[in-house]
PDB file of N, CA and C in Angstrom:
ATOM      1  N   UNK A   1       0.811  -1.143   0.022  1.00  0.00           N
ATOM      2  CA  UNK A   1      -0.027   0.005  -0.008  1.00  0.00           C
ATOM      3  C   UNK A   1       0.864   1.313   0.024  1.00  0.00           C
ATOM      4  N   UNK A   2       0.290   2.326  -0.347  1.00  0.00           N
ATOM      5  CA  UNK A   2       1.064   3.555  -0.489  1.00  0.00           C
ATOM      6  C   UNK A   2       0.446   4.604   0.404  1.00  0.00           C
ATOM      7  N   UNK A   3       1.257   5.379   1.149  1.00  0.00           N
ATOM      8  CA  UNK A   3       0.733   6.376   2.070  1.00  0.00           C
ATOM      9  C   UNK A   3       1.640   7.546   2.029  1.00  0.00           C
ATOM     10  N   UNK A   4       1.466   8.445   1.015  1.00  0.00           N
ATOM     11  CA  UNK A   4       2.280   9.686   0.903  1.00  0.00           C
ATOM     12  C   UNK A   4       1.770  10.827   1.697  1.00  0.00           C
ATOM     13  N   UNK A   5       0.612  10.641   2.362  1.00  0.00           N
ATOM     14  CA  UNK A   5      -0.018  11.840   3.038  1.00  0.00           C
ATOM     15  C   UNK A   5      -0.014  11.748   4.527  1.00  0.00           C
ATOM     16  N   UNK A   6      -0.224  10.580   5.084  1.00  0.00           N
ATOM     17  CA  UNK A   6      -0.358  10.420   6.555  1.00  0.00           C
ATOM     18  C   UNK A   6       1.003  10.288   7.170  1.00  0.00           C
ATOM     19  N   UNK A   7       1.467  11.356   7.846  1.00  0.00           N
ATOM     20  CA  UNK A   7       2.820  11.448   8.376  1.00  0.00           C
ATOM     21  C   UNK A   7       2.754  11.469   9.927  1.00  0.00           C
ATOM     22  N   UNK A   8       1.987  10.582  10.525  1.00  0.00           N
ATOM     23  CA  UNK A   8       1.937  10.601  11.965  1.00  0.00           C
ATOM     24  C   UNK A   8       3.227  10.193  12.668  1.00  0.00           C
ATOM     25  N   UNK A   9       4.130   9.506  12.010  1.00  0.00           N
ATOM     26  CA  UNK A   9       5.371   9.090  12.590  1.00  0.00           C
ATOM     27  C   UNK A   9       6.636   9.818  12.022  1.00  0.00           C
ATOM     28  N   UNK A  10       6.423  10.942  11.348  1.00  0.00           N
ATOM     29  CA  UNK A  10       7.459  11.737  10.795  1.00  0.00           C
ATOM     30  C   UNK A  10       8.268  11.062   9.772  1.00  0.00           C
ATOM     31  N   UNK A  11       7.703  10.075   9.066  1.00  0.00           N
ATOM     32  CA  UNK A  11       8.445   9.403   8.005  1.00  0.00           C
ATOM     33  C   UNK A  11       8.390  10.125   6.655  1.00  0.00           C
ATOM     34  N   UNK A  12       7.568  11.103   6.598  1.00  0.00           N
ATOM     35  CA  UNK A  12       7.385  11.896   5.405  1.00  0.00           C
ATOM     36  C   UNK A  12       6.681  11.075   4.322  1.00  0.00           C
ATOM     37  N   UNK A  13       6.932  11.408   3.106  1.00  0.00           N
ATOM     38  CA  UNK A  13       6.362  10.647   1.993  1.00  0.00           C
ATOM     39  C   UNK A  13       6.907   9.243   2.028  1.00  0.00           C
ATOM     40  N   UNK A  14       6.041   8.268   1.909  1.00  0.00           N
ATOM     41  CA  UNK A  14       6.582   6.905   1.889  1.00  0.00           C
ATOM     42  C   UNK A  14       5.699   5.981   1.008  1.00  0.00           C
ATOM     43  N   UNK A  15       6.297   4.804   0.711  1.00  0.00           N
ATOM     44  CA  UNK A  15       5.590   3.781   0.063  1.00  0.00           C
ATOM     45  C   UNK A  15       5.884   2.530   0.773  1.00  0.00           C
ATOM     46  N   UNK A  16       4.872   1.665   0.961  1.00  0.00           N
ATOM     47  CA  UNK A  16       5.065   0.339   1.601  1.00  0.00           C
ATOM     48  C   UNK A  16       4.603  -0.743   0.715  1.00  0.00           C
ATOM     49  N   UNK A  17       5.488  -1.744   0.521  1.00  0.00           N
ATOM     50  CA  UNK A  17       5.191  -2.883  -0.296  1.00  0.00           C
ATOM     51  C   UNK A  17       4.979  -4.064   0.606  1.00  0.00           C
ATOM     52  N   UNK A  18       3.792  -4.632   0.434  1.00  0.00           N
ATOM     53  CA  UNK A  18       3.427  -5.771   1.341  1.00  0.00           C
ATOM     54  C   UNK A  18       3.404  -7.058   0.435  1.00  0.00           C
ATOM     55  N   UNK A  19       4.054  -8.086   1.001  1.00  0.00           N
ATOM     56  CA  UNK A  19       4.102  -9.359   0.227  1.00  0.00           C
ATOM     57  C   UNK A  19       4.058 -10.524   1.176  1.00  0.00           C
ATOM     58  N   UNK A  20       3.913 -11.679   0.645  1.00  0.00           N
ATOM     59  CA  UNK A  20       3.948 -12.930   1.477  1.00  0.00           C
ATOM     60  C   UNK A  20       5.162 -13.699   1.056  1.00  0.00           C
ATOM     61  N   UNK A  21       5.959 -14.080   2.103  1.00  0.00           N
ATOM     62  CA  UNK A  21       7.200 -14.844   1.881  1.00  0.00           C
ATOM     63  C   UNK A  21       7.111 -16.049   2.776  1.00  0.00           C
ATOM     64  N   UNK A  22       7.170 -17.254   2.266  1.00  0.00           N
ATOM     65  CA  UNK A  22       7.117 -18.478   3.044  1.00  0.00           C
ATOM     66  C   UNK A  22       6.059 -18.446   4.131  1.00  0.00           C
ATOM     67  N   UNK A  23       4.874 -17.969   3.770  1.00  0.00           N
ATOM     68  CA  UNK A  23       3.742 -17.951   4.752  1.00  0.00           C
ATOM     69  C   UNK A  23       3.750 -16.719   5.711  1.00  0.00           C
ATOM     70  N   UNK A  24       4.760 -15.927   5.635  1.00  0.00           N
ATOM     71  CA  UNK A  24       4.839 -14.687   6.555  1.00  0.00           C
ATOM     72  C   UNK A  24       4.487 -13.505   5.709  1.00  0.00           C
ATOM     73  N   UNK A  25       3.803 -12.499   6.364  1.00  0.00           N
ATOM     74  CA  UNK A  25       3.538 -11.214   5.755  1.00  0.00           C
ATOM     75  C   UNK A  25       4.766 -10.333   6.003  1.00  0.00           C
ATOM     76  N   UNK A  26       5.300  -9.805   4.930  1.00  0.00           N
ATOM     77  CA  UNK A  26       6.463  -8.973   5.015  1.00  0.00           C
ATOM     78  C   UNK A  26       6.172  -7.566   4.385  1.00  0.00           C
ATOM     79  N   UNK A  27       6.468  -6.513   5.106  1.00  0.00           N
ATOM     80  CA  UNK A  27       6.242  -5.151   4.630  1.00  0.00           C
ATOM     81  C   UNK A  27       7.639  -4.434   4.565  1.00  0.00           C
ATOM     82  N   UNK A  28       7.888  -3.874   3.384  1.00  0.00           N
ATOM     83  CA  UNK A  28       9.057  -3.060   3.178  1.00  0.00           C
ATOM     84  C   UNK A  28       8.608  -1.635   2.975  1.00  0.00           C
ATOM     85  N   UNK A  29       8.968  -0.721   3.886  1.00  0.00           N
ATOM     86  CA  UNK A  29       8.503   0.655   3.794  1.00  0.00           C
ATOM     87  C   UNK A  29       9.771   1.529   3.482  1.00  0.00           C
ATOM     88  N   UNK A  30       9.584   2.349   2.527  1.00  0.00           N
ATOM     89  CA  UNK A  30      10.605   3.322   2.060  1.00  0.00           C
ATOM     90  C   UNK A  30      10.097   4.662   2.471  1.00  0.00           C
ATOM     91  N   UNK A  31      10.884   5.353   3.378  1.00  0.00           N
ATOM     92  CA  UNK A  31      10.444   6.681   3.924  1.00  0.00           C
ATOM     93  C   UNK A  31      11.360   7.780   3.439  1.00  0.00           C
ATOM     94  N   UNK A  32      10.814   8.988   3.633  1.00  0.00           N
ATOM     95  CA  UNK A  32      11.465  10.286   3.298  1.00  0.00           C
ATOM     96  C   UNK A  32      11.586  10.505   1.774  1.00  0.00           C
ATOM     97  N   UNK A  33      10.619  10.020   1.088  1.00  0.00           N
ATOM     98  CA  UNK A  33      10.676  10.174  -0.377  1.00  0.00           C
ATOM     99  C   UNK A  33      10.480  11.619  -0.754  1.00  0.00           C
ATOM    100  N   UNK A  34      10.981  12.006  -1.957  1.00  0.00           N
ATOM    101  CA  UNK A  34      10.971  13.449  -2.319  1.00  0.00           C
ATOM    102  C   UNK A  34       9.543  14.046  -2.228  1.00  0.00           C
ATOM    103  N   UNK A  35       9.554  15.328  -2.020  1.00  0.00           N
ATOM    104  CA  UNK A  35       8.267  16.096  -1.849  1.00  0.00           C
ATOM    105  C   UNK A  35       7.516  16.181  -3.187  1.00  0.00           C
ATOM    106  N   UNK A  36       8.091  16.452  -4.290  1.00  0.00           N
ATOM    107  CA  UNK A  36       7.392  16.559  -5.541  1.00  0.00           C
ATOM    108  C   UNK A  36       7.467  15.172  -6.196  1.00  0.00           C
ATOM    109  N   UNK A  37       6.370  14.616  -6.611  1.00  0.00           N
ATOM    110  CA  UNK A  37       6.303  13.317  -7.288  1.00  0.00           C
ATOM    111  C   UNK A  37       7.050  12.241  -6.531  1.00  0.00           C
ATOM    112  N   UNK A  38       6.691  11.976  -5.260  1.00  0.00           N
ATOM    113  CA  UNK A  38       7.354  10.943  -4.483  1.00  0.00           C
ATOM    114  C   UNK A  38       7.181   9.508  -5.011  1.00  0.00           C
ATOM    115  N   UNK A  39       6.059   9.283  -5.712  1.00  0.00           N
ATOM    116  CA  UNK A  39       5.742   7.889  -6.184  1.00  0.00           C
ATOM    117  C   UNK A  39       5.924   7.872  -7.631  1.00  0.00           C
ATOM    118  N   UNK A  40       6.696   6.838  -8.150  1.00  0.00           N
ATOM    119  CA  UNK A  40       6.975   6.679  -9.568  1.00  0.00           C
ATOM    120  C   UNK A  40       5.732   6.231 -10.372  1.00  0.00           C
ATOM    121  N   UNK A  41       5.769   6.351 -11.619  1.00  0.00           N
ATOM    122  CA  UNK A  41       4.722   5.977 -12.532  1.00  0.00           C
ATOM    123  C   UNK A  41       4.779   4.401 -12.714  1.00  0.00           C
ATOM    124  N   UNK A  42       3.658   3.798 -12.512  1.00  0.00           N
ATOM    125  CA  UNK A  42       3.543   2.331 -12.719  1.00  0.00           C
ATOM    126  C   UNK A  42       3.546   2.061 -14.228  1.00  0.00           C
ATOM    127  N   UNK A  43       4.484   1.338 -14.741  1.00  0.00           N
ATOM    128  CA  UNK A  43       4.575   1.091 -16.182  1.00  0.00           C
ATOM    129  C   UNK A  43       3.339   0.348 -16.679  1.00  0.00           C
ATOM    130  N   UNK A  44       2.664  -0.409 -15.887  1.00  0.00           N
ATOM    131  CA  UNK A  44       1.474  -1.223 -16.306  1.00  0.00           C
ATOM    132  C   UNK A  44       0.262  -0.265 -16.531  1.00  0.00           C
ATOM    133  N   UNK A  45       0.188   0.841 -15.748  1.00  0.00           N
ATOM    134  CA  UNK A  45      -1.022   1.641 -15.850  1.00  0.00           C
ATOM    135  C   UNK A  45      -0.740   3.031 -16.417  1.00  0.00           C
ATOM    136  N   UNK A  46       0.560   3.498 -16.421  1.00  0.00           N
ATOM    137  CA  UNK A  46       0.823   4.854 -16.896  1.00  0.00           C
ATOM    138  C   UNK A  46       0.518   5.925 -15.833  1.00  0.00           C
ATOM    139  N   UNK A  47       0.126   5.489 -14.627  1.00  0.00           N
ATOM    140  CA  UNK A  47      -0.240   6.432 -13.530  1.00  0.00           C
ATOM    141  C   UNK A  47       0.650   6.056 -12.313  1.00  0.00           C
ATOM    142  N   UNK A  48       0.764   6.984 -11.301  1.00  0.00           N
ATOM    143  CA  UNK A  48       1.543   6.702 -10.161  1.00  0.00           C
ATOM    144  C   UNK A  48       1.003   5.443  -9.467  1.00  0.00           C
ATOM    145  N   UNK A  49       1.879   4.709  -8.862  1.00  0.00           N
ATOM    146  CA  UNK A  49       1.517   3.522  -8.137  1.00  0.00           C
ATOM    147  C   UNK A  49       0.413   3.857  -7.135  1.00  0.00           C
ATOM    148  N   UNK A  50      -0.529   2.959  -6.889  1.00  0.00           N
ATOM    149  CA  UNK A  50      -1.599   3.172  -5.932  1.00  0.00           C
ATOM    150  C   UNK A  50      -1.830   1.861  -5.226  1.00  0.00           C
ATOM    151  N   UNK A  51      -2.614   1.943  -4.170  1.00  0.00           N
ATOM    152  CA  UNK A  51      -2.929   0.789  -3.361  1.00  0.00           C
ATOM    153  C   UNK A  51      -3.464  -0.317  -4.211  1.00  0.00           C
ATOM    154  N   UNK A  52      -2.933  -1.497  -4.034  1.00  0.00           N
ATOM    155  CA  UNK A  52      -3.399  -2.649  -4.795  1.00  0.00           C
ATOM    156  C   UNK A  52      -2.598  -2.951  -6.066  1.00  0.00           C
ATOM    157  N   UNK A  53      -1.768  -2.065  -6.505  1.00  0.00           N
ATOM    158  CA  UNK A  53      -0.934  -2.267  -7.657  1.00  0.00           C
ATOM    159  C   UNK A  53       0.150  -3.345  -7.373  1.00  0.00           C
ATOM    160  N   UNK A  54       0.422  -4.109  -8.371  1.00  0.00           N
ATOM    161  CA  UNK A  54       1.489  -5.142  -8.232  1.00  0.00           C
ATOM    162  C   UNK A  54       2.807  -4.424  -8.575  1.00  0.00           C
ATOM    163  N   UNK A  55       3.821  -4.760  -7.775  1.00  0.00           N
ATOM    164  CA  UNK A  55       5.177  -4.154  -7.992  1.00  0.00           C
ATOM    165  C   UNK A  55       6.124  -5.303  -8.244  1.00  0.00           C
ATOM    166  N   UNK A  56       6.940  -5.212  -9.361  1.00  0.00           N
ATOM    167  CA  UNK A  56       7.774  -6.253  -9.692  1.00  0.00           C
ATOM    168  C   UNK A  56       9.217  -5.934  -9.305  1.00  0.00           C
ATOM    169  N   UNK A  57       9.972  -6.945  -9.006  1.00  0.00           N
ATOM    170  CA  UNK A  57      11.356  -6.793  -8.623  1.00  0.00           C
ATOM    171  C   UNK A  57      12.046  -5.940  -9.700  1.00  0.00           C
ATOM    172  N   UNK A  58      12.936  -5.023  -9.151  1.00  0.00           N
ATOM    173  CA  UNK A  58      13.678  -4.102 -10.015  1.00  0.00           C
ATOM    174  C   UNK A  58      12.917  -2.853 -10.463  1.00  0.00           C
ATOM    175  N   UNK A  59      11.647  -2.732 -10.149  1.00  0.00           N
ATOM    176  CA  UNK A  59      10.845  -1.582 -10.549  1.00  0.00           C
ATOM    177  C   UNK A  59      11.275  -0.350  -9.684  1.00  0.00           C
ATOM    178  N   UNK A  60      11.307   0.849 -10.373  1.00  0.00           N
ATOM    179  CA  UNK A  60      11.510   1.978  -9.565  1.00  0.00           C
ATOM    180  C   UNK A  60      10.156   2.422  -8.982  1.00  0.00           C
ATOM    181  N   UNK A  61      10.118   2.622  -7.689  1.00  0.00           N
ATOM    182  CA  UNK A  61       8.851   2.953  -7.026  1.00  0.00           C
ATOM    183  C   UNK A  61       8.792   4.411  -6.478  1.00  0.00           C
ATOM    184  N   UNK A  62       9.945   5.009  -6.312  1.00  0.00           N
ATOM    185  CA  UNK A  62       9.975   6.322  -5.714  1.00  0.00           C
ATOM    186  C   UNK A  62      11.387   6.919  -5.698  1.00  0.00           C
ATOM    187  N   UNK A  63      11.521   8.087  -5.204  1.00  0.00           N
ATOM    188  CA  UNK A  63      12.808   8.770  -5.281  1.00  0.00           C
ATOM    189  C   UNK A  63      13.139   9.324  -3.808  1.00  0.00           C
ATOM    190  N   UNK A  64      14.415   9.181  -3.454  1.00  0.00           N
ATOM    191  CA  UNK A  64      14.843   9.639  -2.104  1.00  0.00           C
ATOM    192  C   UNK A  64      14.631  11.166  -1.972  1.00  0.00           C
ATOM    193  N   UNK A  65      14.344  11.547  -0.727  1.00  0.00           N
ATOM    194  CA  UNK A  65      14.114  12.993  -0.520  1.00  0.00           C
ATOM    195  C   UNK A  65      14.486  13.385   0.925  1.00  0.00           C
ATOM    196  N   UNK A  66      13.812  14.429   1.332  1.00  0.00           N
ATOM    197  CA  UNK A  66      14.031  14.960   2.696  1.00  0.00           C
ATOM    198  C   UNK A  66      12.679  15.407   3.325  1.00  0.00           C
ATOM    199  N   UNK A  67      11.749  14.484   3.312  1.00  0.00           N
ATOM    200  CA  UNK A  67      10.463  14.757   3.898  1.00  0.00           C
ATOM    201  C   UNK A  67      10.326  14.244   5.327  1.00  0.00           C
ATOM    202  N   UNK A  68       9.268  14.633   6.053  1.00  0.00           N
ATOM    203  CA  UNK A  68       9.075  14.178   7.434  1.00  0.00           C
ATOM    204  C   UNK A  68      10.136  14.763   8.282  1.00  0.00           C
ATOM    205  N   UNK A  69      10.692  14.036   9.268  1.00  0.00           N
ATOM    206  CA  UNK A  69      11.684  14.519  10.153  1.00  0.00           C
ATOM    207  C   UNK A  69      13.078  14.632   9.506  1.00  0.00           C
ATOM    208  N   UNK A  70      13.154  14.373   8.275  1.00  0.00           N
ATOM    209  CA  UNK A  70      14.479  14.448   7.529  1.00  0.00           C
ATOM    210  C   UNK A  70      14.613  15.692   6.728  1.00  0.00           C
ATOM    211  N   UNK A  71      13.773  16.752   7.039  1.00  0.00           N
ATOM    212  CA  UNK A  71      13.800  17.989   6.340  1.00  0.00           C
ATOM    213  C   UNK A  71      15.089  18.768   6.427  1.00  0.00           C
ATOM    214  N   UNK A  72      15.843  18.554   7.575  1.00  0.00           N
ATOM    215  CA  UNK A  72      17.000  19.345   7.848  1.00  0.00           C
ATOM    216  C   UNK A  72      18.296  18.599   7.610  1.00  0.00           C
ATOM    217  N   UNK A  73      18.270  17.452   6.948  1.00  0.00           N
ATOM    218  CA  UNK A  73      19.447  16.650   6.671  1.00  0.00           C
ATOM    219  C   UNK A  73      20.103  17.278   5.441  1.00  0.00           C
ATOM    220  N   UNK A  74      21.461  17.132   5.264  1.00  0.00           N
ATOM    221  CA  UNK A  74      22.063  17.827   4.080  1.00  0.00           C
ATOM    222  C   UNK A  74      21.791  17.105   2.768  1.00  0.00           C
ATOM    223  N   UNK A  75      21.530  15.833   2.763  1.00  0.00           N
ATOM    224  CA  UNK A  75      21.326  15.181   1.501  1.00  0.00           C
ATOM    225  C   UNK A  75      20.086  14.312   1.583  1.00  0.00           C
ATOM    226  N   UNK A  76      19.399  14.192   0.371  1.00  0.00           N
ATOM    227  CA  UNK A  76      18.303  13.233   0.327  1.00  0.00           C
ATOM    228  C   UNK A  76      18.714  11.826   0.735  1.00  0.00           C
ATOM    229  N   UNK A  77      17.904  11.116   1.335  1.00  0.00           N
ATOM    230  CA  UNK A  77      18.257   9.725   1.777  1.00  0.00           C
ATOM    231  C   UNK A  77      17.017   8.936   1.923  1.00  0.00           C
ATOM    232  N   UNK A  78      17.234   7.629   2.204  1.00  0.00           N
ATOM    233  CA  UNK A  78      16.146   6.692   2.331  1.00  0.00           C
ATOM    234  C   UNK A  78      16.169   6.004   3.635  1.00  0.00           C
ATOM    235  N   UNK A  79      15.035   5.859   4.271  1.00  0.00           N
ATOM    236  CA  UNK A  79      14.944   5.086   5.541  1.00  0.00           C
ATOM    237  C   UNK A  79      14.157   3.840   5.129  1.00  0.00           C
ATOM    238  N   UNK A  80      14.719   2.698   5.345  1.00  0.00           N
ATOM    239  CA  UNK A  80      14.079   1.451   4.996  1.00  0.00           C
ATOM    240  C   UNK A  80      13.652   0.760   6.268  1.00  0.00           C
ATOM    241  N   UNK A  81      12.345   0.390   6.353  1.00  0.00           N
ATOM    242  CA  UNK A  81      11.753  -0.308   7.525  1.00  0.00           C
ATOM    243  C   UNK A  81      11.173  -1.595   7.020  1.00  0.00           C
ATOM    244  N   UNK A  82      11.605  -2.660   7.675  1.00  0.00           N
ATOM    245  CA  UNK A  82      11.114  -4.006   7.253  1.00  0.00           C
ATOM    246  C   UNK A  82      10.388  -4.614   8.433  1.00  0.00           C
ATOM    247  N   UNK A  83       9.178  -5.143   8.232  1.00  0.00           N
ATOM    248  CA  UNK A  83       8.409  -5.769   9.281  1.00  0.00           C
ATOM    249  C   UNK A  83       7.954  -7.125   8.808  1.00  0.00           C
ATOM    250  N   UNK A  84       8.028  -8.088   9.652  1.00  0.00           N
ATOM    251  CA  UNK A  84       7.575  -9.426   9.364  1.00  0.00           C
ATOM    252  C   UNK A  84       6.439  -9.766  10.324  1.00  0.00           C
ATOM    253  N   UNK A  85       5.273 -10.134   9.805  1.00  0.00           N
ATOM    254  CA  UNK A  85       4.080 -10.419  10.601  1.00  0.00           C
ATOM    255  C   UNK A  85       3.873  -9.262  11.631  1.00  0.00           C
ATOM    256  N   UNK A  86       4.082  -8.046  11.170  1.00  0.00           N
ATOM    257  CA  UNK A  86       3.745  -6.825  11.922  1.00  0.00           C
ATOM    258  C   UNK A  86       4.795  -6.430  12.948  1.00  0.00           C
ATOM    259  N   UNK A  87       5.910  -7.145  13.010  1.00  0.00           N
ATOM    260  CA  UNK A  87       7.016  -6.869  13.971  1.00  0.00           C
ATOM    261  C   UNK A  87       8.282  -6.449  13.184  1.00  0.00           C
ATOM    262  N   UNK A  88       9.022  -5.480  13.786  1.00  0.00           N
ATOM    263  CA  UNK A  88      10.286  -5.120  13.170  1.00  0.00           C
ATOM    264  C   UNK A  88      11.148  -6.387  12.828  1.00  0.00           C
ATOM    265  N   UNK A  89      11.803  -6.359  11.798  1.00  0.00           N
ATOM    266  CA  UNK A  89      12.588  -7.563  11.362  1.00  0.00           C
ATOM    267  C   UNK A  89      14.040  -7.204  11.278  1.00  0.00           C
TER     268      UNK A  89
END
């Protein structure tokens, strides 16, 4: 799922990819995406990725930035959060 607007945890613009691996639910969240156009265009639809879209390995999904609590860092960067069955991994 994609959540570029709800910033309750200061992660800024972000995208989360949810998948199932060996029976476990795994979520990869990419935080602090750029402010303008944080989500890449889905090549299958020609529109920005949205909830429910399938993401394939190697696809560009967004661009590093300085949103959320990363607004004052010198360089754009990425915060990667991985959760397995709802718990940090």
